[in-house]
Amino acid sequence: LTLAVERRPSPRSPWRPSRLHMNTDALVATSIVVFMLTRAFIGRRASGIASALCASGGLSTSARRAAPPMSRRVLETDEPVIVKMKALLAAAPAGTVSLAQGVVHWQPPEEALEAAREAVGLAPTHLYSADEGIPELRAALRASLASEHGLEGVEVMVTAGANQAFLNTVLMALNAGDSAVLFAPYYFNHLMALQMTGHADSILIGPAVSHDLLPDLNWLESQLERRNVGITPGLPAAPIRLVTLCTPGNPSGVNLPRAIVERAVALTARYGCFLYLDHAYAHFVHDGKRLAVCSAAHVLSCFSFSKAYGMAGWRIGVLTYPPELGAQLLKVQDTAVICPSVISQYAALAALGAGAKWVRAHVDALAPQRALVRAALAPLGADSIVGGSGAIYLLARLPSAHVDDARVAEWLVHRHGVAVIPASYCGMPGWIRVCYSNLGADAMRTATERLRRACEELVASDVLPTGRPPLSGPSTAS
C-alpha cells in the first residue's frame, strides 16, 4: 500500500489537503482496512452491549465483570429465616408439615372478599390513595382501637404491613450512630430493619428475666442513665433513641403485664427516647387478659390485619403515633410506598365491619391446637416451655446436648417431617419457636405427633438419630 498526501499551507488551514495520489491497489487495500476497522469497532460495541445484557440476565458471557461492592448496611443484615425455612421446605420430602411461619389457617371474612371484588370496578381503586390511607379506613381504625383496646388520642397511618410501620418509625426516630434497644427474644425483622438502616453497630440487646422471658427494665434503666445522661469513660457516647417491646411477644408467646409496659413508658419519657410497641398480635391475648396499650408524646404502636383477619397476603398494617410526628412520618411513607394497596384497604375496611366477635371466635378456637403443641413439647420438660398467654407461639428450650437449634430444625424436617423456627434468629440460641395457628385440627394432630416423637428422641440421645421413620398422619404438605 502506497498512500501519498501532499499538503501545502492555506490561508484558512495550513493542513488542508491539496492533492491525493492513490493507485488502484492502494484503493482496494484501503477499503479492506476500513472494513476491518469498522468490524472491530462494531465488535467492541457489541461486546459492551452483551456485557450489559449479561448483567441484566439477558446473556451469559465470560466477559462479564464483577458487580460493584454492595452496601455494608445490607451485607451486615441477617438473612431472613422465613426465606431459608421456605427453601428447606421446598426441598423437603413429601408430606412434611410446617409449624414454622406465623400465619393463621383461616381466610379473611367473607365481607372483606366481597368488598375486594366490588372494589375492582371502582375508579379510586386504580389511583393513589392519601399517603396515610383512605379516610374511611382510618376513621374506622380509630373507632376500633378505642372500643377494643382503649387506645385514644393517636393518629393512624395505614402501612404495607406491620414491618413497614416499624421501618417508618426507625427512619423517623434514629440519627446515624444512635442506639436502639431490643430485648431477647426479639422479632427477627426488627433486628434486620435496624441493621439495614445502618445501626448494626449500635443495637443493644437487653436480657430477659423470669421464666416468661420478660424484658429486664432494670437493665434498661441503667443503660439509659449511662448513655442518655452521663457518659461513662470507655463507653461509646451513643444515646438510646428507640426502645422496642413486642407484646404479645413474637417469638415468646407472652403477653406483657401492664406494669411492665407502663414502666417502659415512664423510663423512655424520662430519658428522652421513643418507645415502639409492636401489637401485631393484639387480638391474640388469651385467658381473659387484656392488651396493655399506651398513647403518649413519645410512643408509637403497630397493629396488623395479617394475623387475626387472615390477611397476610393483603399487606395491611397500622401505625399509631402522636399527631405532632405526622408530617415527618409522611415523608417516609411517601418515599417508601406512597400508599398501601388501595384494594387491600377496602378489604380491610370491610374486615373491620365483621367485628371483634368474628375475630374472637377464630382466636378462641385455637385453644386445642395450643394444647396439642404444648403436649408435644412436654418431653423437653415443663420448665423448658415458654408462652401461651399471647400471640400464636410457644418457645421451647432444647436439651443441652442439642443447642445447635439450626441443625435441629433441619433434622426435624428431614427425619420427622415437621418444620419449626430456630430461635437463634431471635437472639435465643438453643431454643425453637413453634407456631400453633397455621394448621387446622387434623393437620395439627399429625404435626404434633411427629414433634412429640422428635422431642422424645432429643431427650433420649446425645446424638441426633439418622434416617427417617415412617411418617404419621396424612401426607399433606403445608
Protein backbone atom coordinates (compact mmCIF):
# COMPACT_ATOMS: atom_id res chain seq x y z
CA LEU A 1 0.00 0.00 0.00
CA THR A 2 1.37 3.35 -1.08
CA LEU A 3 -0.56 6.38 0.05
CA ALA A 4 0.89 9.82 -0.53
CA VAL A 5 -0.73 13.02 0.62
CA GLU A 6 0.86 16.30 -0.28
CA ARG A 7 -0.17 19.25 1.78
CA ARG A 8 0.56 22.95 1.37
CA PRO A 9 -0.20 25.93 3.58
CA SER A 10 -3.54 27.58 3.15
CA PRO A 11 -4.86 30.88 4.43
CA ARG A 12 -7.74 29.03 6.10
CA SER A 13 -5.99 25.85 7.17
CA PRO A 14 -2.29 25.10 6.92
CA TRP A 15 -3.15 21.39 6.83
CA ARG A 16 -5.84 21.32 4.12
CA PRO A 17 -5.05 18.54 1.57
CA SER A 18 -4.11 19.79 -1.89
CA ARG A 19 -3.65 16.58 -3.87
CA LEU A 20 -4.28 12.89 -3.12
CA HIS A 21 -2.43 10.30 -5.15
CA MET A 22 -3.59 6.66 -4.98
CA ASN A 23 -3.04 3.71 -7.23
CA THR A 24 -5.70 1.04 -7.70
CA ASP A 25 -4.06 -1.44 -5.30
CA ALA A 26 -3.96 1.21 -2.62
CA LEU A 27 -7.67 1.92 -3.06
CA VAL A 28 -8.57 -1.76 -2.65
CA ALA A 29 -6.28 -2.18 0.32
CA THR A 30 -7.69 0.94 1.95
CA SER A 31 -11.22 -0.40 1.56
CA ILE A 32 -10.20 -3.62 3.27
CA VAL A 33 -8.60 -1.72 6.15
CA VAL A 34 -11.72 0.45 6.58
CA PHE A 35 -13.92 -2.67 6.62
CA MET A 36 -11.72 -4.38 9.22
CA LEU A 37 -11.63 -1.29 11.45
CA THR A 38 -15.39 -0.90 11.19
CA ARG A 39 -15.96 -4.53 12.09
CA ALA A 40 -13.62 -4.24 15.07
CA PHE A 41 -15.44 -1.10 16.26
CA ILE A 42 -18.85 -2.76 15.92
CA GLY A 43 -17.49 -5.84 17.68
CA ARG A 44 -16.36 -3.78 20.66
CA ARG A 45 -19.78 -2.07 20.82
CA ALA A 46 -21.50 -5.44 20.59
CA SER A 47 -19.27 -6.81 23.36
CA GLY A 48 -20.24 -3.89 25.57
CA ILE A 49 -23.92 -4.45 24.83
CA ALA A 50 -23.53 -8.17 25.52
CA SER A 51 -21.88 -7.45 28.86
CA ALA A 52 -24.74 -5.15 29.80
CA LEU A 53 -27.29 -7.78 28.78
CA CYS A 54 -25.39 -10.38 30.76
CA ALA A 55 -25.50 -8.20 33.84
CA SER A 56 -29.27 -7.94 33.49
CA GLY A 57 -29.65 -11.69 32.97
CA GLY A 58 -30.11 -11.47 29.21
CA LEU A 59 -26.87 -13.14 28.07
CA SER A 60 -24.14 -15.30 29.54
CA THR A 61 -20.58 -14.42 28.63
CA SER A 62 -17.14 -14.89 30.08
CA ALA A 63 -16.58 -11.16 29.55
CA ARG A 64 -19.00 -10.34 32.41
CA ARG A 65 -17.36 -8.16 35.05
CA ALA A 66 -17.94 -8.46 38.80
CA ALA A 67 -20.66 -6.27 40.32
CA PRO A 68 -19.57 -3.24 42.36
CA PRO A 69 -19.33 -3.71 46.13
CA MET A 70 -22.68 -3.83 47.90
CA SER A 71 -23.54 -1.62 50.83
CA ARG A 72 -22.21 -2.52 54.24
CA ARG A 73 -25.73 -2.00 55.63
CA VAL A 74 -27.18 -4.83 53.56
CA LEU A 75 -24.18 -7.12 53.94
CA GLU A 76 -24.41 -6.79 57.73
CA THR A 77 -28.14 -7.59 57.76
CA ASP A 78 -29.11 -11.08 58.87
CA GLU A 79 -30.53 -13.48 56.31
CA PRO A 80 -34.34 -13.77 56.59
CA VAL A 81 -35.04 -17.00 58.43
CA ILE A 82 -38.50 -17.42 56.87
CA VAL A 83 -36.96 -17.40 53.39
CA LYS A 84 -34.44 -20.03 54.50
CA MET A 85 -37.16 -22.18 56.02
CA LYS A 86 -39.27 -21.96 52.86
CA ALA A 87 -36.28 -23.13 50.84
CA LEU A 88 -35.76 -26.01 53.28
CA LEU A 89 -39.44 -26.95 52.99
CA ALA A 90 -39.34 -26.76 49.19
CA ALA A 91 -36.61 -29.41 49.18
CA ALA A 92 -38.18 -31.47 51.97
CA PRO A 93 -39.66 -34.93 51.47
CA ALA A 94 -43.32 -35.13 50.51
CA GLY A 95 -45.69 -34.98 53.45
CA THR A 96 -43.66 -32.51 55.52
CA VAL A 97 -45.82 -30.19 57.61
CA SER A 98 -44.90 -26.74 58.91
CA LEU A 99 -45.19 -25.21 62.34
CA ALA A 100 -42.74 -22.51 61.29
CA GLN A 101 -44.19 -19.35 59.74
CA GLY A 102 -46.58 -17.33 61.87
CA VAL A 103 -49.82 -17.33 59.90
CA VAL A 104 -53.36 -18.48 60.62
CA HIS A 105 -55.21 -21.26 58.84
CA TRP A 106 -58.41 -19.29 58.16
CA GLN A 107 -59.29 -16.93 55.34
CA PRO A 108 -60.47 -13.32 55.68
CA PRO A 109 -64.12 -12.57 56.50
CA GLU A 110 -66.45 -13.01 53.54
CA GLU A 111 -67.28 -9.30 53.84
CA ALA A 112 -63.63 -8.48 53.05
CA LEU A 113 -63.54 -10.73 49.99
CA GLU A 114 -66.79 -9.29 48.67
CA ALA A 115 -65.54 -5.73 49.22
CA ALA A 116 -62.40 -6.54 47.26
CA ARG A 117 -64.44 -7.92 44.38
CA GLU A 118 -66.57 -4.77 44.30
CA ALA A 119 -63.53 -2.50 44.60
CA VAL A 120 -62.13 -3.81 41.32
CA GLY A 121 -64.78 -1.80 39.48
CA LEU A 122 -64.27 1.43 41.45
CA ALA A 123 -62.17 4.15 39.85
CA PRO A 124 -60.37 5.16 43.11
CA THR A 125 -59.02 1.62 43.44
CA HIS A 126 -56.74 2.21 40.48
CA LEU A 127 -55.35 5.52 41.74
CA TYR A 128 -53.11 6.53 44.62
CA SER A 129 -54.96 7.00 47.87
CA ALA A 130 -53.96 9.52 50.53
CA ASP A 131 -50.50 8.58 51.75
CA GLU A 132 -51.74 7.73 55.22
CA GLY A 133 -54.63 5.61 53.92
CA ILE A 134 -58.21 6.10 52.74
CA PRO A 135 -60.11 8.36 55.18
CA GLU A 136 -62.93 5.90 55.87
CA LEU A 137 -60.50 3.13 56.89
CA ARG A 138 -58.56 5.46 59.17
CA ALA A 139 -61.77 6.63 60.83
CA ALA A 140 -62.89 3.02 61.34
CA LEU A 141 -59.49 2.13 62.79
CA ARG A 142 -59.60 4.97 65.32
CA ALA A 143 -63.03 3.79 66.45
CA SER A 144 -61.95 0.14 66.62
CA LEU A 145 -58.75 0.86 68.55
CA ALA A 146 -60.70 2.93 71.07
CA SER A 147 -63.51 0.41 71.58
CA GLU A 148 -61.46 -2.80 71.57
CA HIS A 149 -58.23 -1.70 73.24
CA GLY A 150 -58.92 1.67 74.83
CA LEU A 151 -56.32 3.41 72.67
CA GLU A 152 -57.25 7.05 72.07
CA GLY A 153 -55.53 10.36 71.31
CA VAL A 154 -53.43 8.96 68.46
CA GLU A 155 -53.20 9.45 64.71
CA VAL A 156 -53.40 6.47 62.39
CA MET A 157 -51.36 5.61 59.29
CA VAL A 158 -52.11 2.58 57.14
CA THR A 159 -48.90 0.82 56.08
CA ALA A 160 -47.91 -2.03 53.79
CA GLY A 161 -47.83 -4.49 56.66
CA ALA A 162 -46.62 -4.08 60.23
CA ASN A 163 -42.97 -4.40 59.18
CA GLN A 164 -43.26 -1.16 57.24
CA ALA A 165 -44.74 0.55 60.30
CA PHE A 166 -41.55 -0.32 62.19
CA LEU A 167 -39.30 0.79 59.33
CA ASN A 168 -41.14 4.13 59.14
CA THR A 169 -40.50 4.56 62.87
CA VAL A 170 -36.80 3.71 62.63
CA LEU A 171 -36.23 6.19 59.81
CA MET A 172 -38.13 8.91 61.67
CA ALA A 173 -36.55 8.35 65.09
CA LEU A 174 -32.87 7.49 64.64
CA ASN A 175 -29.88 9.52 63.55
CA ALA A 176 -26.72 7.84 62.32
CA GLY A 177 -24.93 6.43 65.34
CA ASP A 178 -27.93 6.49 67.68
CA SER A 179 -28.52 3.36 69.72
CA ALA A 180 -31.69 1.26 69.64
CA VAL A 181 -32.79 -1.36 72.18
CA LEU A 182 -34.37 -4.75 71.53
CA PHE A 183 -34.97 -7.40 74.16
CA ALA A 184 -34.19 -11.06 73.62
CA PRO A 185 -36.10 -12.91 72.42
CA TYR A 186 -36.79 -10.32 69.72
CA TYR A 187 -38.67 -10.40 66.43
CA PHE A 188 -36.04 -11.07 63.76
CA ASN A 189 -37.35 -8.44 61.31
CA HIS A 190 -36.94 -5.74 63.97
CA LEU A 191 -33.25 -6.59 64.15
CA MET A 192 -32.96 -6.70 60.36
CA ALA A 193 -34.59 -3.29 59.94
CA LEU A 194 -32.12 -1.73 62.36
CA GLN A 195 -29.17 -3.44 60.67
CA MET A 196 -30.33 -2.41 57.20
CA THR A 197 -30.69 1.25 58.16
CA GLY A 198 -27.07 1.46 59.31
CA HIS A 199 -27.39 0.72 63.04
CA ALA A 200 -25.77 -2.71 63.16
CA ASP A 201 -23.02 -1.41 65.45
CA SER A 202 -25.36 0.41 67.83
CA ILE A 203 -28.05 -2.18 68.59
CA LEU A 204 -28.29 -3.05 72.27
CA ILE A 205 -29.87 -6.41 73.10
CA GLY A 206 -31.43 -6.39 76.55
CA PRO A 207 -31.67 -9.52 78.68
CA ALA A 208 -34.83 -11.25 79.86
CA VAL A 209 -35.81 -12.11 83.41
CA SER A 210 -38.12 -14.75 84.89
CA HIS A 211 -39.46 -17.92 83.30
CA ASP A 212 -41.70 -15.84 81.00
CA LEU A 213 -38.68 -14.05 79.49
CA LEU A 214 -39.92 -10.58 80.46
CA PRO A 215 -37.71 -7.63 79.46
CA ASP A 216 -35.24 -6.61 82.15
CA LEU A 217 -36.22 -2.99 82.74
CA ASN A 218 -33.63 -2.55 85.49
CA TRP A 219 -31.00 -3.17 82.81
CA LEU A 220 -32.78 -0.68 80.53
CA GLU A 221 -32.80 1.99 83.22
CA SER A 222 -29.07 1.58 83.86
CA GLN A 223 -28.31 1.83 80.12
CA LEU A 224 -30.45 4.94 79.73
CA GLU A 225 -28.77 6.54 82.72
CA ARG A 226 -25.28 5.85 81.36
CA ARG A 227 -25.94 6.74 77.72
CA ASN A 228 -28.56 9.48 77.83
CA VAL A 229 -27.42 11.37 80.96
CA GLY A 230 -23.83 10.76 81.95
CA ILE A 231 -21.06 9.40 79.74
CA THR A 232 -19.08 6.56 81.31
CA PRO A 233 -15.37 6.54 80.36
CA GLY A 234 -14.69 3.93 77.73
CA LEU A 235 -18.34 3.62 76.74
CA PRO A 236 -19.29 4.91 73.29
CA ALA A 237 -21.39 8.05 73.65
CA ALA A 238 -24.28 6.70 71.60
CA PRO A 239 -27.57 7.82 73.14
CA ILE A 240 -30.53 5.46 73.10
CA ARG A 241 -33.26 6.95 70.91
CA LEU A 242 -35.58 3.97 70.36
CA VAL A 243 -36.73 1.13 72.62
CA THR A 244 -38.91 -1.64 71.19
CA LEU A 245 -41.20 -4.02 73.03
CA CYS A 246 -43.23 -6.73 71.33
CA THR A 247 -46.46 -7.59 73.13
CA PRO A 248 -47.95 -10.11 72.73
CA GLY A 249 -44.50 -11.46 72.08
CA ASN A 250 -43.07 -12.87 68.90
CA PRO A 251 -41.41 -15.33 69.45
CA SER A 252 -42.07 -15.64 73.19
CA GLY A 253 -45.85 -16.07 73.04
CA VAL A 254 -46.07 -13.94 76.21
CA ASN A 255 -48.46 -11.04 76.76
CA LEU A 256 -46.55 -8.41 78.77
CA PRO A 257 -48.16 -7.36 82.05
CA ARG A 258 -49.46 -3.79 82.19
CA ALA A 259 -46.92 -2.91 84.91
CA ILE A 260 -44.04 -3.73 82.54
CA VAL A 261 -45.46 -1.61 79.72
CA GLU A 262 -46.23 1.33 81.99
CA ARG A 263 -42.74 1.31 83.47
CA ALA A 264 -41.20 1.22 79.99
CA VAL A 265 -43.36 4.21 79.01
CA ALA A 266 -42.19 6.13 82.07
CA LEU A 267 -38.49 5.29 81.59
CA THR A 268 -38.39 6.25 77.93
CA ALA A 269 -40.21 9.52 78.67
CA ARG A 270 -37.79 10.38 81.47
CA TYR A 271 -34.71 9.77 79.35
CA GLY A 272 -35.95 11.33 76.11
CA CYS A 273 -36.32 8.43 73.69
CA PHE A 274 -39.08 6.87 71.64
CA LEU A 275 -40.91 3.70 72.65
CA TYR A 276 -42.29 1.40 69.96
CA LEU A 277 -44.94 -1.13 71.00
CA ASP A 278 -45.45 -3.91 68.48
CA HIS A 279 -49.05 -5.11 68.87
CA ALA A 280 -49.24 -7.16 65.66
CA TYR A 281 -50.86 -9.93 67.74
CA ALA A 282 -53.21 -7.60 69.61
CA HIS A 283 -56.20 -9.91 69.20
CA PHE A 284 -54.27 -12.94 70.46
CA VAL A 285 -54.44 -12.25 74.19
CA HIS A 286 -55.56 -15.40 75.97
CA ASP A 287 -57.04 -16.50 79.28
CA GLY A 288 -59.17 -13.42 79.80
CA LYS A 289 -56.24 -10.98 79.91
CA ARG A 290 -56.17 -7.57 78.20
CA LEU A 291 -53.63 -5.89 75.97
CA ALA A 292 -51.65 -3.08 77.62
CA VAL A 293 -51.67 -0.09 75.24
CA CYS A 294 -50.49 3.48 75.65
CA SER A 295 -50.69 6.87 73.95
CA ALA A 296 -48.02 9.45 74.79
CA ALA A 297 -45.91 12.06 73.04
CA HIS A 298 -43.05 9.57 72.55
CA VAL A 299 -44.95 6.31 71.97
CA LEU A 300 -45.72 4.68 68.62
CA SER A 301 -47.56 1.39 68.18
CA CYS A 302 -48.33 -1.01 65.36
CA PHE A 303 -51.21 -3.35 64.62
CA SER A 304 -51.84 -5.79 61.79
CA PHE A 305 -54.56 -7.35 59.65
CA SER A 306 -52.25 -10.23 58.70
CA LYS A 307 -52.94 -12.43 61.70
CA ALA A 308 -56.41 -12.18 63.25
CA TYR A 309 -58.15 -11.36 59.97
CA GLY A 310 -56.23 -13.94 57.91
CA MET A 311 -54.99 -11.24 55.52
CA ALA A 312 -51.21 -11.77 55.46
CA GLY A 313 -51.06 -11.56 51.66
CA TRP A 314 -53.01 -8.29 51.55
CA ARG A 315 -50.20 -6.42 53.36
CA ILE A 316 -52.11 -4.04 55.60
CA GLY A 317 -50.59 -2.79 58.84
CA VAL A 318 -51.41 0.14 61.10
CA LEU A 319 -49.07 2.64 62.75
CA THR A 320 -50.42 4.80 65.58
CA TYR A 321 -48.48 7.86 66.69
CA PRO A 322 -48.80 11.27 68.37
CA PRO A 323 -50.19 13.80 65.85
CA GLU A 324 -47.10 16.03 66.01
CA LEU A 325 -45.00 13.32 64.35
CA GLY A 326 -47.28 13.03 61.34
CA ALA A 327 -45.51 15.34 58.89
CA GLN A 328 -42.16 13.58 59.30
CA LEU A 329 -43.64 10.09 59.14
CA LEU A 330 -45.43 11.06 55.91
CA LYS A 331 -42.04 11.82 54.34
CA VAL A 332 -41.02 8.22 54.92
CA GLN A 333 -44.37 6.83 53.80
CA ASP A 334 -44.40 8.82 50.57
CA THR A 335 -40.85 7.79 49.74
CA ALA A 336 -41.31 4.10 50.55
CA VAL A 337 -44.73 3.17 49.16
CA ILE A 338 -46.71 6.42 48.62
CA CYS A 339 -49.73 4.49 49.89
CA PRO A 340 -50.66 0.88 50.64
CA SER A 341 -52.59 -1.15 48.07
CA VAL A 342 -55.96 0.54 47.71
CA ILE A 343 -57.92 -2.65 47.07
CA SER A 344 -56.37 -4.09 50.25
CA GLN A 345 -57.53 -1.04 52.17
CA TYR A 346 -61.13 -1.55 51.03
CA ALA A 347 -60.89 -5.20 52.06
CA ALA A 348 -59.50 -4.21 55.46
CA LEU A 349 -62.33 -1.74 55.99
CA ALA A 350 -64.88 -4.48 55.35
CA ALA A 351 -62.94 -6.89 57.61
CA LEU A 352 -63.33 -4.42 60.47
CA GLY A 353 -67.04 -4.48 59.79
CA ALA A 354 -67.12 -8.22 60.54
CA GLY A 355 -66.48 -7.17 64.13
CA ALA A 356 -64.49 -8.28 67.13
CA LYS A 357 -66.88 -11.18 67.68
CA TRP A 358 -65.78 -12.78 64.37
CA VAL A 359 -62.12 -12.44 65.38
CA ARG A 360 -62.64 -13.73 68.92
CA ALA A 361 -64.41 -16.87 67.68
CA HIS A 362 -61.44 -17.80 65.48
CA VAL A 363 -58.82 -16.95 68.11
CA ASP A 364 -60.61 -18.88 70.86
CA ALA A 365 -60.84 -21.91 68.59
CA LEU A 366 -57.02 -22.16 68.68
CA ALA A 367 -57.01 -23.40 72.29
CA PRO A 368 -56.98 -27.12 71.30
CA GLN A 369 -54.09 -26.56 68.88
CA ARG A 370 -52.15 -24.72 71.58
CA ALA A 371 -52.70 -27.63 73.96
CA LEU A 372 -51.54 -30.14 71.33
CA VAL A 373 -48.28 -28.27 70.76
CA ARG A 374 -47.63 -27.92 74.48
CA ALA A 375 -48.18 -31.66 74.95
CA ALA A 376 -45.83 -32.42 72.04
CA LEU A 377 -43.08 -30.33 73.65
CA ALA A 378 -43.66 -31.84 77.12
CA PRO A 379 -40.78 -34.38 76.84
CA LEU A 380 -38.41 -31.39 76.98
CA GLY A 381 -39.72 -30.55 80.47
CA ALA A 382 -42.33 -28.06 81.65
CA ASP A 383 -39.64 -25.55 82.66
CA SER A 384 -38.34 -25.56 79.08
CA ILE A 385 -41.61 -24.29 77.56
CA VAL A 386 -42.47 -20.58 77.46
CA GLY A 387 -45.55 -18.82 76.14
CA GLY A 388 -49.24 -19.41 75.80
CA SER A 389 -50.57 -16.16 77.26
CA GLY A 390 -50.42 -14.30 73.95
CA ALA A 391 -49.66 -14.43 70.22
CA ILE A 392 -49.57 -17.79 68.38
CA TYR A 393 -46.29 -19.33 69.53
CA LEU A 394 -44.66 -21.48 72.15
CA LEU A 395 -40.92 -21.20 72.70
CA ALA A 396 -39.03 -24.31 73.80
CA ARG A 397 -35.50 -24.82 75.12
CA LEU A 398 -33.62 -27.74 73.58
CA PRO A 399 -31.66 -30.26 75.68
CA SER A 400 -28.10 -29.23 76.49
CA ALA A 401 -26.70 -31.84 74.08
CA HIS A 402 -28.56 -30.24 71.16
CA VAL A 403 -28.06 -26.49 71.48
CA ASP A 404 -27.43 -26.04 67.73
CA ASP A 405 -31.01 -25.04 67.03
CA ALA A 406 -30.46 -24.52 63.30
CA ARG A 407 -29.14 -28.07 62.95
CA VAL A 408 -32.05 -29.41 65.00
CA ALA A 409 -34.53 -27.53 62.78
CA GLU A 410 -33.05 -29.19 59.68
CA TRP A 411 -33.07 -32.57 61.41
CA LEU A 412 -36.75 -32.14 62.32
CA VAL A 413 -37.61 -31.58 58.67
CA HIS A 414 -35.54 -34.40 57.23
CA ARG A 415 -36.15 -37.06 59.87
CA HIS A 416 -39.60 -36.24 61.26
CA GLY A 417 -41.24 -34.20 58.51
CA VAL A 418 -42.09 -31.17 60.67
CA ALA A 419 -40.69 -27.63 60.47
CA VAL A 420 -40.09 -25.07 63.23
CA ILE A 421 -38.07 -21.86 63.53
CA PRO A 422 -34.58 -21.95 65.12
CA ALA A 423 -34.77 -19.22 67.76
CA SER A 424 -31.12 -18.20 67.38
CA TYR A 425 -32.56 -15.86 64.74
CA CYS A 426 -34.46 -14.22 67.61
CA GLY A 427 -31.49 -13.90 69.94
CA MET A 428 -32.25 -17.20 71.76
CA PRO A 429 -29.76 -19.85 70.60
CA GLY A 430 -30.64 -23.33 71.77
CA TRP A 431 -34.40 -22.72 71.53
CA ILE A 432 -37.07 -23.32 68.88
CA ARG A 433 -40.23 -21.37 68.06
CA VAL A 434 -43.35 -23.40 67.31
CA CYS A 435 -46.49 -21.90 65.76
CA TYR A 436 -49.88 -23.41 66.67
CA SER A 437 -52.18 -21.37 64.41
CA ASN A 438 -51.12 -22.25 60.88
CA LEU A 439 -52.76 -25.70 60.62
CA GLY A 440 -56.30 -26.93 61.04
CA ALA A 441 -57.18 -29.53 63.68
CA ASP A 442 -56.40 -32.69 61.65
CA ALA A 443 -53.11 -31.44 60.23
CA MET A 444 -52.12 -30.12 63.67
CA ARG A 445 -52.60 -33.58 65.20
CA THR A 446 -50.32 -35.04 62.54
CA ALA A 447 -47.67 -32.37 63.08
CA THR A 448 -47.69 -32.62 66.87
CA GLU A 449 -47.43 -36.42 66.85
CA ARG A 450 -44.24 -36.06 64.83
CA LEU A 451 -42.97 -33.25 67.04
CA ARG A 452 -43.58 -35.29 70.20
CA ARG A 453 -41.58 -38.25 68.83
CA ALA A 454 -38.78 -35.90 67.86
CA CYS A 455 -38.66 -34.35 71.34
CA GLU A 456 -38.53 -37.81 72.90
CA GLU A 457 -35.53 -38.66 70.71
CA LEU A 458 -33.78 -35.40 71.60
CA VAL A 459 -34.11 -36.15 75.30
CA ALA A 460 -33.11 -39.80 74.95
CA SER A 461 -29.90 -39.40 72.96
CA ASP A 462 -26.94 -37.04 72.89
CA VAL A 463 -26.57 -37.76 69.17
CA LEU A 464 -29.19 -36.83 66.61
CA PRO A 465 -30.60 -40.11 65.22
CA THR A 466 -30.34 -40.55 61.46
CA GLY A 467 -32.70 -42.00 58.90
CA ARG A 468 -36.40 -41.34 58.65
CA PRO A 469 -39.06 -43.33 60.48
CA PRO A 470 -42.48 -43.87 58.88
CA LEU A 471 -44.40 -40.60 58.98
CA SER A 472 -47.66 -40.46 60.88
CA GLY A 473 -50.85 -38.96 59.52
CA PRO A 474 -51.90 -37.97 56.01
CA SER A 475 -49.26 -36.91 53.51
CA THR A 476 -50.28 -33.27 53.34
CA ALA A 477 -47.52 -30.74 52.83
CA SER A 478 -48.20 -27.36 54.39
